[in-house]
Amino acid sequence: MYLLQCLLTFNLLKYTFAFVHPIEIVGTHFYDSETEEPFFIKGVDYQPDGSSGFVGSSDPLANPQTCVRDIMLFQELGINTIRIYSINPDLDHSKCMTMLATAGIYLMLDVNSPLPNQHINRYEPWTTYNPIYLEHVFKVVQEFSQYNNTLGFFAGNEIINDKKSSEVSPVYVKQLVTDIKNYILKNCERDIPVGYSAADDLRYRVSLSKYLECELPQDTTMKSVDFYGVNSYQWCGQQTLETSGYDELIKAYQNYSKPVFFSEYGCNKVLPRQFHEAEVLYSPIMAQVFSGGLVYEFTQEANNYGLVRIDSNGNTKILQDLKTLKTRYQAIDESLKVQYFQEHSTTAPICQDKYLNLGTNMDLPKKLAKALIEKGVEATGGYCELESKDFETKYKIYDTDGSIWENPNGIKIVNQLSSGITDSNHKEREVKKNSSTSLRLPPKRVMYWLIASTAYTYMIF
């Protein structure tokens, strides 16, 4: 058995909660709400078995043993964010979310799933935008609003991706964004960003982003997104800023009033993938416009984008793409990002009557979500107590050469270990909605390393 032993004593573990700083938005960038340092998304898209394989009986954050297995590799890769496309809000995610928080990893979460009544039909959205669907969406939001390391919610992923969907779906996406933001305002402990993940289609690249960005003065019935994600696969193999078209992406979004980032990237038309675009993405020329990105994707599926391969027994093999991407990430000068981060406030533009190639004049039942928002929905969850057994996994991890992967550090806890919550019911919270974000020195961080070993344990301070 491949064991990851938690070395802290039971009494310490009993009251150990990961206090991770919420990420908020100022101007066109994300930032740490406590330290006020800029936050650039450096992550992967994470949906083992693929989005089409989601059946609802389980999800990526419902199995602590697989979470331990994968979080070790997240830290090996050097990421700070994962994106998950589908979850079941009725399952228990507390242990996995606590593990992610202690590891310093944030979550970007889609509110939809491929199951019936859990997504918008892009061609007939009026058939699916109903109270049953909205209840599912709000349960996802309520459940994950309880975790400080929930970075944001995607109201949709590539819902508008062809002529037919562009004629009927934009207003439904914008209405859903509004409904989620109103729900958070009424029912959640803190403001959590809500955005959209768009296909990088030249027909809609500018117009859709502008439509979702806009607002009407004194009108709270159609709100703007808080961020905008772009799924871009245009940098393939050996390219440059110009040959890849990244220079055009910069021009397209340089005046956008919200944070923009790659919600998917990593072309696989040229193999093996070299990920040179990662170094460019975090360079000064792009970081003034883009707030990082998420590589597609962590697990190997039929479409051949994986960084690791998981077999039928749950054991994992590291693929060369993971090591290559790790090398690119290590080449990024993290200290430079603070220097070229430019804090400035921007105002969302006023909505226009028409947007190129988009149908935006449909009438919707704008009060459909009102009763659910007023009443709220029930959700369980919240950070939980972790014991040594919670850091054990039965799964093996193999290196690229087939040998057992030896991780001398296990999961490294990078966040302050403190109890921001007195019990699992969240009777007391340190972070309240609209809490002050004035500059404060970050607390000293105590770091523990959880050592993977079947025979010996070590503690390093």
Protein backbone atom coordinates (compact mmCIF):
# COMPACT_ATOMS: atom_id res chain seq x y z
CA MET A 1 0.00 0.00 0.00
CA TYR A 2 1.27 3.40 -0.96
CA LEU A 3 0.91 5.39 2.27
CA LEU A 4 1.07 9.07 2.95
CA GLN A 5 1.39 9.50 6.71
CA CYS A 6 0.28 12.67 8.42
CA LEU A 7 2.86 13.41 11.08
CA LEU A 8 1.02 15.88 13.26
CA THR A 9 -0.29 14.66 16.58
CA PHE A 10 -3.97 13.86 16.91
CA ASN A 11 -4.67 16.80 19.19
CA LEU A 12 -3.13 19.25 16.73
CA LEU A 13 -4.89 17.65 13.80
CA LYS A 14 -8.21 17.77 15.60
CA TYR A 15 -8.23 21.54 15.48
CA THR A 16 -6.24 22.11 12.33
CA PHE A 17 -8.08 23.99 9.63
CA ALA A 18 -6.46 25.44 6.57
CA PHE A 19 -6.96 29.19 6.60
CA VAL A 20 -6.43 30.18 3.02
CA HIS A 21 -6.84 33.77 1.91
CA PRO A 22 -9.80 34.38 -0.41
CA ILE A 23 -8.87 35.69 -3.85
CA GLU A 24 -10.69 38.84 -4.90
CA ILE A 25 -10.73 41.15 -7.90
CA VAL A 26 -9.45 44.68 -8.23
CA GLY A 27 -9.61 46.28 -11.64
CA THR A 28 -8.50 43.76 -14.22
CA HIS A 29 -6.61 41.35 -11.99
CA PHE A 30 -7.06 38.88 -9.16
CA TYR A 31 -5.34 39.53 -5.88
CA ASP A 32 -4.89 38.03 -2.42
CA SER A 33 -7.44 39.71 -0.15
CA GLU A 34 -5.09 39.61 2.84
CA THR A 35 -1.62 40.34 1.45
CA GLU A 36 -2.87 42.34 -1.55
CA GLU A 37 -0.35 40.58 -3.76
CA PRO A 38 -1.40 39.89 -7.36
CA PHE A 39 -2.64 36.37 -8.03
CA PHE A 40 -1.97 34.78 -11.40
CA ILE A 41 -3.77 31.52 -12.14
CA LYS A 42 -1.29 28.73 -12.77
CA GLY A 43 -3.23 25.53 -13.01
CA VAL A 44 -4.78 22.58 -14.79
CA ASP A 45 -8.24 21.45 -15.82
CA TYR A 46 -9.14 18.44 -13.71
CA GLN A 47 -11.97 16.03 -14.52
CA PRO A 48 -10.89 12.36 -14.34
CA ASP A 49 -12.92 10.27 -16.81
CA GLY A 50 -13.75 13.44 -18.74
CA SER A 51 -16.87 15.57 -18.53
CA SER A 52 -18.84 13.02 -20.55
CA GLY A 53 -17.95 10.34 -18.00
CA PHE A 54 -19.62 12.19 -15.14
CA VAL A 55 -22.59 10.19 -13.81
CA GLY A 56 -23.17 11.93 -10.48
CA SER A 57 -22.47 9.03 -8.12
CA SER A 58 -18.99 10.41 -7.55
CA ASP A 59 -16.92 13.41 -8.57
CA PRO A 60 -13.26 14.53 -8.43
CA LEU A 61 -13.59 15.97 -4.90
CA ALA A 62 -15.61 13.20 -3.27
CA ASN A 63 -12.84 10.61 -2.80
CA PRO A 64 -10.14 11.68 -0.31
CA GLN A 65 -7.78 8.90 -1.39
CA THR A 66 -7.68 10.04 -4.99
CA CYS A 67 -7.39 13.63 -3.79
CA VAL A 68 -4.26 12.77 -1.79
CA ARG A 69 -2.82 10.99 -4.83
CA ASP A 70 -3.47 13.91 -7.16
CA ILE A 71 -2.67 16.80 -4.81
CA MET A 72 0.86 15.43 -4.43
CA LEU A 73 1.21 15.70 -8.21
CA PHE A 74 -0.41 19.14 -8.30
CA GLN A 75 2.32 20.34 -5.96
CA GLU A 76 4.98 18.51 -7.94
CA LEU A 77 3.79 20.41 -11.00
CA GLY A 78 3.81 23.70 -9.09
CA ILE A 79 0.24 24.87 -9.67
CA ASN A 80 -2.04 27.03 -7.54
CA THR A 81 -5.44 26.37 -9.17
CA ILE A 82 -7.52 23.54 -10.59
CA ARG A 83 -10.69 23.74 -12.65
CA ILE A 84 -13.44 21.15 -12.27
CA TYR A 85 -16.25 20.94 -14.81
CA SER A 86 -18.88 18.86 -12.98
CA ILE A 87 -19.60 17.97 -9.36
CA ASN A 88 -22.50 16.59 -7.34
CA PRO A 89 -23.34 19.14 -4.60
CA ASP A 90 -24.99 16.43 -2.50
CA LEU A 91 -21.71 14.56 -1.94
CA ASP A 92 -19.18 15.27 0.81
CA HIS A 93 -16.30 17.42 -0.46
CA SER A 94 -15.04 18.65 2.90
CA LYS A 95 -11.89 16.53 3.16
CA CYS A 96 -10.69 17.13 -0.38
CA MET A 97 -11.36 20.87 -0.17
CA THR A 98 -9.52 21.03 3.16
CA MET A 99 -6.57 19.17 1.63
CA LEU A 100 -6.51 21.53 -1.34
CA ALA A 101 -6.62 24.51 1.01
CA THR A 102 -3.74 23.29 3.12
CA ALA A 103 -1.77 22.67 -0.07
CA GLY A 104 -2.42 26.23 -1.25
CA ILE A 105 -4.57 25.24 -4.21
CA TYR A 106 -7.67 27.12 -5.33
CA LEU A 107 -10.72 25.88 -7.23
CA MET A 108 -12.43 27.26 -10.31
CA LEU A 109 -15.75 25.42 -10.54
CA ASP A 110 -18.33 25.06 -13.29
CA VAL A 111 -21.91 25.08 -12.02
CA ASN A 112 -23.21 22.77 -14.76
CA SER A 113 -22.97 19.07 -15.49
CA PRO A 114 -23.97 16.91 -18.48
CA LEU A 115 -26.80 15.30 -16.49
CA PRO A 116 -30.46 16.18 -17.15
CA ASN A 117 -31.67 19.40 -15.48
CA GLN A 118 -28.07 20.41 -14.73
CA HIS A 119 -27.07 22.39 -17.82
CA ILE A 120 -28.38 24.82 -20.41
CA ASN A 121 -29.38 23.37 -23.76
CA ARG A 122 -27.46 25.68 -26.09
CA TYR A 123 -29.98 25.32 -28.92
CA GLU A 124 -33.19 25.40 -26.85
CA PRO A 125 -32.19 27.13 -23.61
CA TRP A 126 -35.80 27.96 -22.71
CA THR A 127 -36.42 24.22 -22.20
CA THR A 128 -33.73 23.90 -19.53
CA TYR A 129 -33.62 27.28 -17.80
CA ASN A 130 -36.14 26.44 -15.08
CA PRO A 131 -36.42 26.20 -11.26
CA ILE A 132 -35.07 22.63 -11.17
CA TYR A 133 -31.94 23.70 -13.04
CA LEU A 134 -31.50 26.84 -10.94
CA GLU A 135 -31.82 24.84 -7.74
CA HIS A 136 -28.93 22.64 -8.88
CA VAL A 137 -26.82 25.69 -9.73
CA PHE A 138 -27.52 27.35 -6.39
CA LYS A 139 -26.72 24.14 -4.48
CA VAL A 140 -23.31 24.05 -6.18
CA VAL A 141 -22.75 27.70 -5.28
CA GLN A 142 -23.96 27.32 -1.70
CA GLU A 143 -21.86 24.22 -1.09
CA PHE A 144 -18.60 25.68 -2.37
CA SER A 145 -19.12 29.20 -1.06
CA GLN A 146 -18.15 27.78 2.32
CA TYR A 147 -14.54 27.31 1.25
CA ASN A 148 -12.10 30.21 1.06
CA ASN A 149 -10.18 28.43 -1.68
CA THR A 150 -13.14 28.57 -4.06
CA LEU A 151 -11.75 31.12 -6.48
CA GLY A 152 -14.76 31.49 -8.76
CA PHE A 153 -17.70 29.93 -10.58
CA PHE A 154 -18.11 29.42 -14.32
CA ALA A 155 -21.72 29.99 -15.38
CA GLY A 156 -21.03 28.11 -18.59
CA ASN A 157 -18.41 26.54 -20.83
CA GLU A 158 -18.56 27.14 -24.59
CA ILE A 159 -22.36 27.33 -24.58
CA ILE A 160 -22.14 29.76 -27.49
CA ASN A 161 -20.02 27.94 -30.07
CA ASP A 162 -21.85 28.10 -33.41
CA LYS A 163 -24.40 30.17 -35.35
CA LYS A 164 -27.51 28.56 -33.88
CA SER A 165 -26.39 28.79 -30.25
CA SER A 166 -25.17 32.36 -30.78
CA GLU A 167 -28.68 33.39 -31.79
CA VAL A 168 -30.51 32.04 -28.72
CA SER A 169 -28.15 31.39 -25.81
CA PRO A 170 -26.29 34.65 -24.97
CA VAL A 171 -29.18 36.19 -23.02
CA TYR A 172 -29.59 33.01 -20.98
CA VAL A 173 -25.91 32.96 -20.07
CA LYS A 174 -26.05 36.59 -19.00
CA GLN A 175 -29.22 35.95 -17.00
CA LEU A 176 -27.59 32.98 -15.27
CA VAL A 177 -24.57 35.10 -14.35
CA THR A 178 -26.99 37.62 -12.86
CA ASP A 179 -28.91 34.95 -10.95
CA ILE A 180 -25.73 33.49 -9.45
CA LYS A 181 -24.40 36.89 -8.43
CA ASN A 182 -27.72 37.79 -6.82
CA TYR A 183 -27.77 34.47 -4.98
CA ILE A 184 -24.26 35.00 -3.64
CA LEU A 185 -25.12 38.53 -2.53
CA LYS A 186 -28.17 37.30 -0.62
CA ASN A 187 -27.03 33.97 0.80
CA CYS A 188 -23.25 33.58 0.91
CA GLU A 189 -20.70 34.72 3.47
CA ARG A 190 -18.43 36.41 0.95
CA ASP A 191 -18.45 37.73 -2.58
CA ILE A 192 -17.21 35.06 -5.00
CA PRO A 193 -16.43 35.96 -8.63
CA VAL A 194 -18.71 34.61 -11.37
CA GLY A 195 -17.62 34.35 -15.00
CA TYR A 196 -17.83 32.46 -18.25
CA SER A 197 -15.50 30.17 -20.22
CA ALA A 198 -15.64 30.93 -23.95
CA ALA A 199 -14.63 29.10 -27.08
CA ASP A 200 -12.01 31.20 -28.86
CA ASP A 201 -14.08 31.59 -32.02
CA LEU A 202 -13.22 34.64 -34.11
CA ARG A 203 -16.91 35.15 -34.91
CA TYR A 204 -17.71 35.81 -31.26
CA ARG A 205 -14.34 36.59 -29.65
CA VAL A 206 -14.97 40.30 -29.15
CA SER A 207 -18.75 40.58 -29.30
CA LEU A 208 -19.52 37.90 -26.70
CA SER A 209 -16.91 39.16 -24.27
CA LYS A 210 -18.28 42.69 -24.61
CA TYR A 211 -21.88 41.56 -24.17
CA LEU A 212 -21.11 39.62 -21.00
CA GLU A 213 -19.02 42.54 -19.74
CA CYS A 214 -21.65 45.24 -20.15
CA GLU A 215 -24.19 46.62 -17.69
CA LEU A 216 -27.07 49.07 -17.77
CA PRO A 217 -27.05 52.00 -15.32
CA GLN A 218 -29.53 51.59 -12.46
CA ASP A 219 -30.52 48.14 -13.78
CA THR A 220 -29.66 45.18 -11.55
CA THR A 221 -31.53 42.61 -13.61
CA MET A 222 -28.65 41.95 -16.04
CA LYS A 223 -25.23 42.04 -14.42
CA SER A 224 -21.78 41.68 -15.93
CA VAL A 225 -19.37 38.81 -15.48
CA ASP A 226 -16.62 39.28 -12.92
CA PHE A 227 -14.03 37.53 -15.12
CA TYR A 228 -13.77 36.05 -18.59
CA GLY A 229 -12.10 32.76 -19.49
CA VAL A 230 -10.85 31.96 -22.99
CA ASN A 231 -10.31 28.40 -24.22
CA SER A 232 -7.38 28.86 -26.60
CA TYR A 233 -5.44 26.18 -28.46
CA GLN A 234 -3.80 28.31 -31.12
CA TRP A 235 -0.17 28.04 -29.96
CA CYS A 236 0.98 24.72 -31.42
CA GLY A 237 4.58 23.57 -31.34
CA GLN A 238 7.38 26.03 -32.05
CA GLN A 239 5.68 29.40 -32.45
CA THR A 240 6.05 33.02 -31.47
CA LEU A 241 3.75 35.67 -30.09
CA GLU A 242 2.95 36.74 -33.64
CA THR A 243 2.72 33.39 -35.47
CA SER A 244 0.49 31.96 -32.75
CA GLY A 245 -1.88 34.90 -32.82
CA TYR A 246 -1.31 35.66 -29.15
CA ASP A 247 -0.57 39.24 -30.14
CA GLU A 248 -4.13 39.49 -31.47
CA LEU A 249 -5.50 38.06 -28.23
CA ILE A 250 -3.67 40.78 -26.33
CA LYS A 251 -5.19 43.43 -28.59
CA ALA A 252 -8.67 41.91 -28.25
CA TYR A 253 -8.69 42.08 -24.45
CA GLN A 254 -6.27 44.88 -23.57
CA ASN A 255 -9.13 47.26 -22.73
CA TYR A 256 -11.36 44.68 -21.07
CA SER A 257 -12.61 45.85 -17.69
CA LYS A 258 -12.48 42.40 -16.04
CA PRO A 259 -9.74 39.83 -15.43
CA VAL A 260 -9.14 37.61 -18.47
CA PHE A 261 -7.31 34.28 -18.42
CA PHE A 262 -6.99 31.06 -20.39
CA SER A 263 -9.62 28.68 -18.98
CA GLU A 264 -8.15 26.01 -21.27
CA TYR A 265 -4.91 25.94 -23.25
CA GLY A 266 -2.31 23.47 -24.51
CA CYS A 267 -2.53 22.48 -28.18
CA ASN A 268 -1.73 18.81 -28.88
CA LYS A 269 -1.49 18.93 -32.67
CA VAL A 270 2.29 18.82 -32.30
CA LEU A 271 3.54 16.08 -29.97
CA PRO A 272 5.15 15.85 -27.54
CA ARG A 273 3.79 19.13 -26.18
CA GLN A 274 6.49 21.63 -25.23
CA PHE A 275 4.34 24.28 -23.50
CA HIS A 276 6.48 27.21 -24.60
CA GLU A 277 3.31 29.30 -24.48
CA ALA A 278 3.30 28.98 -20.68
CA GLU A 279 6.48 31.05 -20.41
CA VAL A 280 4.99 33.69 -22.71
CA LEU A 281 1.67 33.73 -20.84
CA TYR A 282 3.42 34.74 -17.62
CA SER A 283 5.76 37.23 -19.26
CA PRO A 284 5.30 41.01 -18.85
CA ILE A 285 3.82 41.50 -22.32
CA MET A 286 0.89 39.15 -21.62
CA ALA A 287 0.53 39.44 -17.85
CA GLN A 288 -0.63 43.03 -18.10
CA VAL A 289 -3.73 41.71 -19.89
CA PHE A 290 -4.04 38.03 -18.92
CA SER A 291 -4.17 36.65 -15.39
CA GLY A 292 -2.62 33.28 -16.17
CA GLY A 293 -4.26 30.10 -17.35
CA LEU A 294 -5.29 26.47 -16.90
CA VAL A 295 -3.66 23.73 -18.96
CA TYR A 296 -5.98 21.17 -20.49
CA GLU A 297 -5.88 18.65 -18.87
CA PHE A 298 -4.57 16.67 -15.91
CA THR A 299 -5.72 13.12 -16.73
CA GLN A 300 -5.26 11.34 -20.02
CA GLU A 301 -8.57 10.79 -21.78
CA ALA A 302 -9.52 9.74 -25.30
CA ASN A 303 -8.64 13.18 -26.71
CA ASN A 304 -4.96 12.78 -25.70
CA TYR A 305 -4.34 15.92 -23.62
CA GLY A 306 -3.31 14.27 -20.35
CA LEU A 307 -0.39 14.97 -18.03
CA VAL A 308 -0.91 11.68 -16.19
CA ARG A 309 -2.57 8.36 -17.00
CA ILE A 310 -4.82 6.69 -14.42
CA ASP A 311 -5.42 2.96 -14.86
CA SER A 312 -8.56 0.98 -14.02
CA ASN A 313 -7.23 0.30 -10.52
CA GLY A 314 -6.72 3.98 -9.75
CA ASN A 315 -2.93 3.87 -9.99
CA THR A 316 -1.29 6.79 -11.78
CA LYS A 317 1.59 7.04 -14.24
CA ILE A 318 3.31 10.38 -14.77
CA LEU A 319 3.57 11.30 -18.45
CA GLN A 320 6.37 13.31 -20.03
CA ASP A 321 4.02 16.25 -20.59
CA LEU A 322 3.81 16.79 -16.84
CA LYS A 323 7.58 17.01 -16.50
CA THR A 324 7.84 19.34 -19.49
CA LEU A 325 5.17 21.65 -18.12
CA LYS A 326 6.84 21.62 -14.71
CA THR A 327 10.06 22.77 -16.36
CA ARG A 328 8.25 25.66 -18.06
CA TYR A 329 6.62 26.70 -14.81
CA GLN A 330 9.95 26.60 -12.99
CA ALA A 331 11.40 28.99 -15.58
CA ILE A 332 8.85 31.67 -14.69
CA ASP A 333 10.29 34.49 -12.59
CA GLU A 334 7.61 34.82 -9.93
CA SER A 335 9.10 38.01 -8.52
CA LEU A 336 8.63 39.89 -11.77
CA LYS A 337 4.86 39.56 -11.71
CA VAL A 338 4.51 41.99 -8.83
CA GLN A 339 6.47 44.57 -10.79
CA TYR A 340 4.32 44.51 -13.91
CA PHE A 341 1.01 44.12 -12.11
CA GLN A 342 -0.79 47.42 -12.57
CA GLU A 343 -3.62 48.00 -10.15
CA HIS A 344 -6.36 50.15 -11.59
CA SER A 345 -10.11 50.35 -11.37
CA THR A 346 -12.25 50.07 -14.45
CA THR A 347 -15.94 50.47 -15.13
CA ALA A 348 -18.05 48.02 -17.12
CA PRO A 349 -19.27 49.55 -20.40
CA ILE A 350 -22.93 50.36 -20.98
CA CYS A 351 -24.79 47.70 -22.95
CA GLN A 352 -25.44 48.35 -26.62
CA ASP A 353 -28.60 47.55 -28.55
CA LYS A 354 -26.83 45.02 -30.79
CA TYR A 355 -23.71 42.86 -30.76
CA LEU A 356 -22.14 41.36 -33.88
CA ASN A 357 -23.26 37.77 -34.58
CA LEU A 358 -25.21 37.52 -31.30
CA GLY A 359 -28.90 37.37 -30.52
CA THR A 360 -29.33 39.57 -27.45
CA ASN A 361 -32.88 40.86 -27.64
CA MET A 362 -34.88 37.90 -26.36
CA ASP A 363 -37.23 38.38 -23.42
CA LEU A 364 -36.62 36.11 -20.42
CA PRO A 365 -38.56 35.41 -17.23
CA LYS A 366 -36.18 37.50 -15.14
CA LYS A 367 -37.86 36.67 -11.82
CA LEU A 368 -37.67 32.91 -12.27
CA ALA A 369 -34.89 32.67 -9.68
CA LYS A 370 -36.35 35.18 -7.22
CA ALA A 371 -38.07 32.70 -4.88
CA LEU A 372 -35.02 30.43 -4.70
CA ILE A 373 -32.74 33.39 -4.04
CA GLU A 374 -34.97 34.69 -1.25
CA LYS A 375 -35.34 31.28 0.38
CA GLY A 376 -31.84 29.96 -0.26
CA VAL A 377 -30.95 26.30 -0.65
CA GLU A 378 -29.62 23.79 1.85
CA ALA A 379 -26.03 22.66 1.54
CA THR A 380 -23.63 20.72 3.71
CA GLY A 381 -19.88 20.98 3.76
CA GLY A 382 -17.19 23.25 5.08
CA TYR A 383 -13.60 22.71 6.19
CA CYS A 384 -13.25 19.65 8.39
CA GLU A 385 -10.92 18.00 10.84
CA LEU A 386 -8.17 15.93 9.26
CA GLU A 387 -6.60 12.90 10.88
CA SER A 388 -3.58 10.87 9.84
CA LYS A 389 -5.73 8.30 8.04
CA ASP A 390 -7.07 11.05 5.81
CA PHE A 391 -3.60 11.42 4.30
CA GLU A 392 -3.33 7.80 3.25
CA THR A 393 -3.91 6.54 -0.25
CA LYS A 394 -3.98 2.97 -1.48
CA TYR A 395 -3.03 4.07 -4.97
CA LYS A 396 0.45 3.87 -6.44
CA ILE A 397 2.14 6.54 -8.52
CA TYR A 398 4.61 5.50 -11.21
CA ASP A 399 7.26 7.69 -12.81
CA THR A 400 7.66 8.02 -16.57
CA ASP A 401 10.07 5.05 -16.64
CA GLY A 402 7.62 2.77 -14.83
CA SER A 403 9.38 2.86 -11.46
CA ILE A 404 7.55 3.80 -8.27
CA TRP A 405 7.54 7.59 -7.94
CA GLU A 406 9.32 8.60 -4.77
CA ASN A 407 8.03 11.82 -3.27
CA PRO A 408 10.26 12.76 -0.29
CA ASN A 409 7.98 15.57 0.86
CA GLY A 410 4.45 14.25 0.44
CA ILE A 411 1.85 17.00 0.65
CA LYS A 412 3.52 20.21 1.76
CA ILE A 413 1.19 22.37 3.84
CA VAL A 414 1.78 25.93 2.72
CA ASN A 415 -1.03 27.77 4.48
CA GLN A 416 -1.24 28.91 8.07
CA LEU A 417 -2.65 26.14 10.22
CA SER A 418 -5.31 27.89 12.24
CA SER A 419 -8.89 27.39 13.24
CA GLY A 420 -10.95 29.98 11.45
CA ILE A 421 -13.94 27.80 12.22
CA THR A 422 -14.84 26.54 15.68
CA ASP A 423 -16.74 23.49 14.47
CA SER A 424 -17.93 21.72 11.36
CA ASN A 425 -21.16 23.71 11.36
CA HIS A 426 -19.32 26.98 10.82
CA LYS A 427 -20.66 28.69 13.93
CA GLU A 428 -17.78 31.13 13.77
CA ARG A 429 -15.93 32.38 10.70
CA GLU A 430 -12.95 34.67 10.43
CA VAL A 431 -13.82 35.90 6.95
CA LYS A 432 -17.05 37.83 6.49
CA LYS A 433 -18.53 39.25 3.33
CA ASN A 434 -17.20 42.70 2.49
CA SER A 435 -14.50 42.40 5.13
CA SER A 436 -11.69 44.92 5.01
CA THR A 437 -9.01 44.34 2.42
CA SER A 438 -6.62 46.97 3.71
CA LEU A 439 -2.98 46.02 3.48
CA ARG A 440 -1.82 43.82 6.33
CA LEU A 441 1.37 41.90 6.79
CA PRO A 442 0.75 38.20 6.23
CA PRO A 443 1.07 36.05 9.36
CA LYS A 444 4.11 33.88 9.82
CA ARG A 445 3.48 30.62 8.13
CA VAL A 446 4.30 27.39 9.90
CA MET A 447 5.16 24.76 7.34
CA TYR A 448 4.88 21.08 7.87
CA TRP A 449 5.81 18.42 5.42
CA LEU A 450 3.80 15.24 5.40
CA ILE A 451 6.31 12.56 4.50
CA ALA A 452 5.37 9.68 2.24
CA SER A 453 6.84 6.53 3.69
CA THR A 454 5.75 3.02 4.53
CA ALA A 455 8.36 2.50 7.22
CA TYR A 456 9.61 5.78 8.66
CA THR A 457 8.20 9.22 9.34
CA TYR A 458 9.95 12.56 9.54
CA MET A 459 8.95 16.04 10.50
CA ILE A 460 10.76 19.03 9.05
CA PHE A 461 10.36 22.62 10.24
